[in-house]
Amino acid sequence: MRIISEILLTVFVLLASITSVNADDIESYTDEIRIAFNKQGRGPIMLKIANDFAKLLPMQIDKYTVLTSTIWTGYAYSLSSEINNTALSKLKNAGPNTVEQYGRHKHGELITGYCTDPVTRSILNNDVTIEYDYSAENGQYLFGGTIKKHDCIK
């Protein structure tokens, strides 16, 4: 869950910097996000977030994971992470299909985090899709997923 808190903190700071929001008031902050999206559209705001966040990368998320890139694709906010060889070996040695099982577990964890946090929930409510992928240190794709506004209703 640490990846979520790191990303939320950064998104919160970046959005506050472009919308002149009092960071102490989360309710008015989510209103400001909605207003900013209505005024500027999601493209310029999400592009700024992705570009500003990319300057902080790579970012160590936990002892096994590094966030390596964030981009705005024009329709989705895309996050890429790398799982180190130690963690990957532990997953693979735990049995067959453990990487896939971990991917499903991580997807549920990310949905819960993004949907219950008022900041990311307000971003999702503005029809921003969040895409994520995890790869091994050698670049091999492991798993990924997509989170949309309707995932928060389930």
C-alpha atoms as a PDB file:
ATOM      1  CA  MET A   1       0.000   0.000   0.000  1.00  0.00           C
ATOM      2  CA  ARG A   2       2.999   2.286   0.321  1.00  0.00           C
ATOM      3  CA  ILE A   3       3.007   2.931  -3.442  1.00  0.00           C
ATOM      4  CA  ILE A   4      -0.474   4.360  -3.085  1.00  0.00           C
ATOM      5  CA  SER A   5       0.465   6.703  -0.262  1.00  0.00           C
ATOM      6  CA  GLU A   6       3.585   7.914  -2.095  1.00  0.00           C
ATOM      7  CA  ILE A   7       1.633   8.579  -5.279  1.00  0.00           C
ATOM      8  CA  LEU A   8      -1.229  10.237  -3.428  1.00  0.00           C
ATOM      9  CA  LEU A   9       1.126  12.533  -1.577  1.00  0.00           C
ATOM     10  CA  THR A  10       2.822  13.572  -4.792  1.00  0.00           C
ATOM     11  CA  VAL A  11      -0.459  14.011  -6.667  1.00  0.00           C
ATOM     12  CA  PHE A  12      -1.811  16.031  -3.765  1.00  0.00           C
ATOM     13  CA  VAL A  13       1.231  18.346  -3.775  1.00  0.00           C
ATOM     14  CA  LEU A  14       1.265  18.700  -7.555  1.00  0.00           C
ATOM     15  CA  LEU A  15      -2.443  19.409  -7.856  1.00  0.00           C
ATOM     16  CA  ALA A  16      -2.265  21.859  -4.986  1.00  0.00           C
ATOM     17  CA  SER A  17       0.523  23.693  -6.764  1.00  0.00           C
ATOM     18  CA  ILE A  18      -1.503  24.110  -9.944  1.00  0.00           C
ATOM     19  CA  THR A  19      -4.904  24.813  -8.426  1.00  0.00           C
ATOM     20  CA  SER A  20      -3.928  27.064  -5.485  1.00  0.00           C
ATOM     21  CA  VAL A  21      -5.708  24.882  -2.958  1.00  0.00           C
ATOM     22  CA  ASN A  22      -5.337  25.058   0.796  1.00  0.00           C
ATOM     23  CA  ALA A  23      -3.730  21.675   1.450  1.00  0.00           C
ATOM     24  CA  ASP A  24      -5.259  21.523   4.940  1.00  0.00           C
ATOM     25  CA  ASP A  25      -8.816  21.177   3.706  1.00  0.00           C
ATOM     26  CA  ILE A  26      -9.291  17.925   1.782  1.00  0.00           C
ATOM     27  CA  GLU A  27     -12.992  18.482   1.097  1.00  0.00           C
ATOM     28  CA  SER A  28     -12.444  21.832  -0.529  1.00  0.00           C
ATOM     29  CA  TYR A  29      -9.423  20.332  -2.250  1.00  0.00           C
ATOM     30  CA  THR A  30     -11.506  17.685  -3.995  1.00  0.00           C
ATOM     31  CA  ASP A  31     -13.929  20.448  -5.022  1.00  0.00           C
ATOM     32  CA  GLU A  32     -10.972  22.365  -6.432  1.00  0.00           C
ATOM     33  CA  ILE A  33      -9.903  19.319  -8.424  1.00  0.00           C
ATOM     34  CA  ARG A  34     -13.377  19.148  -9.943  1.00  0.00           C
ATOM     35  CA  ILE A  35     -13.309  22.873 -10.718  1.00  0.00           C
ATOM     36  CA  ALA A  36      -9.820  22.667 -12.228  1.00  0.00           C
ATOM     37  CA  PHE A  37     -10.851  19.731 -14.414  1.00  0.00           C
ATOM     38  CA  ASN A  38     -13.939  21.665 -15.533  1.00  0.00           C
ATOM     39  CA  LYS A  39     -11.914  24.810 -16.326  1.00  0.00           C
ATOM     40  CA  GLN A  40      -8.770  23.335 -17.848  1.00  0.00           C
ATOM     41  CA  GLY A  41      -9.829  19.863 -18.867  1.00  0.00           C
ATOM     42  CA  ARG A  42      -8.183  16.701 -17.696  1.00  0.00           C
ATOM     43  CA  GLY A  43      -5.439  16.711 -20.328  1.00  0.00           C
ATOM     44  CA  PRO A  44      -3.419  19.729 -19.162  1.00  0.00           C
ATOM     45  CA  ILE A  45      -3.752  18.832 -15.481  1.00  0.00           C
ATOM     46  CA  MET A  46      -2.825  15.183 -15.893  1.00  0.00           C
ATOM     47  CA  LEU A  47       0.044  16.020 -18.249  1.00  0.00           C
ATOM     48  CA  LYS A  48       1.494  18.379 -15.643  1.00  0.00           C
ATOM     49  CA  ILE A  49       1.109  15.773 -12.898  1.00  0.00           C
ATOM     50  CA  ALA A  50       2.778  13.082 -15.006  1.00  0.00           C
ATOM     51  CA  ASN A  51       5.629  15.351 -16.103  1.00  0.00           C
ATOM     52  CA  ASP A  52       6.269  16.755 -12.640  1.00  0.00           C
ATOM     53  CA  PHE A  53       6.049  13.347 -11.017  1.00  0.00           C
ATOM     54  CA  ALA A  54       8.449  11.888 -13.609  1.00  0.00           C
ATOM     55  CA  LYS A  55      11.125  14.278 -12.327  1.00  0.00           C
ATOM     56  CA  LEU A  56      11.019  12.437  -8.976  1.00  0.00           C
ATOM     57  CA  LEU A  57      11.671   9.037 -10.540  1.00  0.00           C
ATOM     58  CA  PRO A  58      12.901   6.440 -10.050  1.00  0.00           C
ATOM     59  CA  MET A  59      11.230   6.298  -6.635  1.00  0.00           C
ATOM     60  CA  GLN A  60      11.737   3.463  -4.187  1.00  0.00           C
ATOM     61  CA  ILE A  61       8.238   2.434  -3.083  1.00  0.00           C
ATOM     62  CA  ASP A  62       9.165  -0.384  -0.727  1.00  0.00           C
ATOM     63  CA  LYS A  63      12.110  -2.757  -0.344  1.00  0.00           C
ATOM     64  CA  TYR A  64      11.037  -4.704  -3.446  1.00  0.00           C
ATOM     65  CA  THR A  65       9.464  -2.142  -5.771  1.00  0.00           C
ATOM     66  CA  VAL A  66      10.641   0.929  -7.673  1.00  0.00           C
ATOM     67  CA  LEU A  67       8.254   3.260  -9.500  1.00  0.00           C
ATOM     68  CA  THR A  68      10.041   3.866 -12.808  1.00  0.00           C
ATOM     69  CA  SER A  69       7.748   6.014 -14.951  1.00  0.00           C
ATOM     70  CA  THR A  70       4.535   8.003 -15.063  1.00  0.00           C
ATOM     71  CA  ILE A  71       3.023   9.307 -18.272  1.00  0.00           C
ATOM     72  CA  TRP A  72      -0.222  10.844 -19.439  1.00  0.00           C
ATOM     73  CA  THR A  73      -1.232   9.060 -22.637  1.00  0.00           C
ATOM     74  CA  GLY A  74      -4.053  11.438 -23.502  1.00  0.00           C
ATOM     75  CA  TYR A  75      -6.687   9.193 -21.946  1.00  0.00           C
ATOM     76  CA  ALA A  76      -4.936   7.427 -19.067  1.00  0.00           C
ATOM     77  CA  TYR A  77      -2.455   8.128 -16.311  1.00  0.00           C
ATOM     78  CA  SER A  78       0.051   5.319 -16.666  1.00  0.00           C
ATOM     79  CA  LEU A  79       2.398   4.134 -13.907  1.00  0.00           C
ATOM     80  CA  SER A  80       5.183   1.604 -14.391  1.00  0.00           C
ATOM     81  CA  SER A  81       6.965  -0.185 -11.582  1.00  0.00           C
ATOM     82  CA  GLU A  82       9.782  -2.656 -11.353  1.00  0.00           C
ATOM     83  CA  ILE A  83       9.931  -5.558  -8.907  1.00  0.00           C
ATOM     84  CA  ASN A  84      13.467  -6.486  -7.888  1.00  0.00           C
ATOM     85  CA  ASN A  85      14.926  -9.934  -8.419  1.00  0.00           C
ATOM     86  CA  THR A  86      14.752 -10.844  -4.715  1.00  0.00           C
ATOM     87  CA  ALA A  87      10.986 -10.360  -4.571  1.00  0.00           C
ATOM     88  CA  LEU A  88      10.461 -11.993  -7.940  1.00  0.00           C
ATOM     89  CA  SER A  89      12.452 -15.066  -6.868  1.00  0.00           C
ATOM     90  CA  LYS A  90      10.376 -15.334  -3.694  1.00  0.00           C
ATOM     91  CA  LEU A  91       7.162 -15.163  -5.724  1.00  0.00           C
ATOM     92  CA  LYS A  92       8.304 -17.716  -8.275  1.00  0.00           C
ATOM     93  CA  ASN A  93       9.651 -20.096  -5.627  1.00  0.00           C
ATOM     94  CA  ALA A  94       6.360 -19.988  -3.722  1.00  0.00           C
ATOM     95  CA  GLY A  95       4.711 -22.091  -6.405  1.00  0.00           C
ATOM     96  CA  PRO A  96       3.164 -22.026  -9.839  1.00  0.00           C
ATOM     97  CA  ASN A  97       1.074 -19.002 -10.802  1.00  0.00           C
ATOM     98  CA  THR A  98       2.166 -16.961  -7.776  1.00  0.00           C
ATOM     99  CA  VAL A  99       3.138 -13.973  -9.922  1.00  0.00           C
ATOM    100  CA  GLU A 100      -0.362 -13.949 -11.433  1.00  0.00           C
ATOM    101  CA  GLN A 101      -1.932 -14.385  -7.996  1.00  0.00           C
ATOM    102  CA  TYR A 102       0.141 -11.504  -6.663  1.00  0.00           C
ATOM    103  CA  GLY A 103      -0.979  -9.410  -9.633  1.00  0.00           C
ATOM    104  CA  ARG A 104      -4.631 -10.059  -8.821  1.00  0.00           C
ATOM    105  CA  HIS A 105      -3.986  -9.265  -5.159  1.00  0.00           C
ATOM    106  CA  LYS A 106      -2.170  -6.033  -6.079  1.00  0.00           C
ATOM    107  CA  HIS A 107      -5.027  -5.009  -8.377  1.00  0.00           C
ATOM    108  CA  GLY A 108      -7.534  -5.323  -5.545  1.00  0.00           C
ATOM    109  CA  GLU A 109      -5.219  -3.440  -3.208  1.00  0.00           C
ATOM    110  CA  LEU A 110      -4.799  -0.596  -5.718  1.00  0.00           C
ATOM    111  CA  ILE A 111      -8.539  -0.343  -6.384  1.00  0.00           C
ATOM    112  CA  THR A 112      -9.230  -0.121  -2.657  1.00  0.00           C
ATOM    113  CA  GLY A 113      -6.566   2.540  -2.186  1.00  0.00           C
ATOM    114  CA  TYR A 114      -7.485   4.688  -5.170  1.00  0.00           C
ATOM    115  CA  CYS A 115     -11.228   4.418  -4.606  1.00  0.00           C
ATOM    116  CA  THR A 116     -11.182   5.195  -0.888  1.00  0.00           C
ATOM    117  CA  ASP A 117      -8.755   8.112  -1.058  1.00  0.00           C
ATOM    118  CA  PRO A 118     -10.714  11.334  -1.728  1.00  0.00           C
ATOM    119  CA  VAL A 119      -8.009  12.813  -3.965  1.00  0.00           C
ATOM    120  CA  THR A 120      -7.565   9.917  -6.365  1.00  0.00           C
ATOM    121  CA  ARG A 121     -11.280   9.171  -6.237  1.00  0.00           C
ATOM    122  CA  SER A 122     -12.004  12.712  -7.426  1.00  0.00           C
ATOM    123  CA  ILE A 123      -9.488  12.230 -10.243  1.00  0.00           C
ATOM    124  CA  LEU A 124     -11.139   8.944 -11.237  1.00  0.00           C
ATOM    125  CA  ASN A 125     -14.534  10.674 -11.046  1.00  0.00           C
ATOM    126  CA  ASN A 126     -13.261  13.081 -13.704  1.00  0.00           C
ATOM    127  CA  ASP A 127     -12.975  10.146 -16.112  1.00  0.00           C
ATOM    128  CA  VAL A 128      -9.247   9.653 -15.760  1.00  0.00           C
ATOM    129  CA  THR A 129      -8.241   6.035 -16.244  1.00  0.00           C
ATOM    130  CA  ILE A 130      -5.286   4.822 -14.201  1.00  0.00           C
ATOM    131  CA  GLU A 131      -3.173   2.141 -15.851  1.00  0.00           C
ATOM    132  CA  TYR A 132      -0.322   0.367 -14.142  1.00  0.00           C
ATOM    133  CA  ASP A 133       2.187  -2.305 -14.976  1.00  0.00           C
ATOM    134  CA  TYR A 134       4.862  -4.195 -13.101  1.00  0.00           C
ATOM    135  CA  SER A 135       7.947  -5.665 -14.703  1.00  0.00           C
ATOM    136  CA  ALA A 136      11.034  -7.572 -13.619  1.00  0.00           C
ATOM    137  CA  GLU A 137      14.401  -5.835 -13.403  1.00  0.00           C
ATOM    138  CA  ASN A 138      15.222  -7.240 -16.850  1.00  0.00           C
ATOM    139  CA  GLY A 139      12.168  -5.468 -18.316  1.00  0.00           C
ATOM    140  CA  GLN A 140       9.994  -8.567 -18.642  1.00  0.00           C
ATOM    141  CA  TYR A 141       6.325  -7.689 -18.202  1.00  0.00           C
ATOM    142  CA  LEU A 142       4.822  -9.400 -15.142  1.00  0.00           C
ATOM    143  CA  PHE A 143       1.305  -8.005 -14.736  1.00  0.00           C
ATOM    144  CA  GLY A 144      -0.733  -4.858 -14.982  1.00  0.00           C
ATOM    145  CA  GLY A 145      -4.209  -3.488 -14.893  1.00  0.00           C
ATOM    146  CA  THR A 146      -6.578  -0.608 -15.348  1.00  0.00           C
ATOM    147  CA  ILE A 147      -8.630   1.262 -12.779  1.00  0.00           C
ATOM    148  CA  LYS A 148     -11.624   3.334 -13.833  1.00  0.00           C
ATOM    149  CA  LYS A 149     -14.356   5.200 -12.050  1.00  0.00           C
ATOM    150  CA  HIS A 150     -16.759   2.257 -12.305  1.00  0.00           C
ATOM    151  CA  ASP A 151     -14.299   0.033 -10.393  1.00  0.00           C
ATOM    152  CA  CYS A 152     -14.986   2.118  -7.301  1.00  0.00           C
ATOM    153  CA  ILE A 153     -18.689   1.243  -7.364  1.00  0.00           C
ATOM    154  CA  LYS A 154     -18.188  -2.525  -7.293  1.00  0.00           C
END
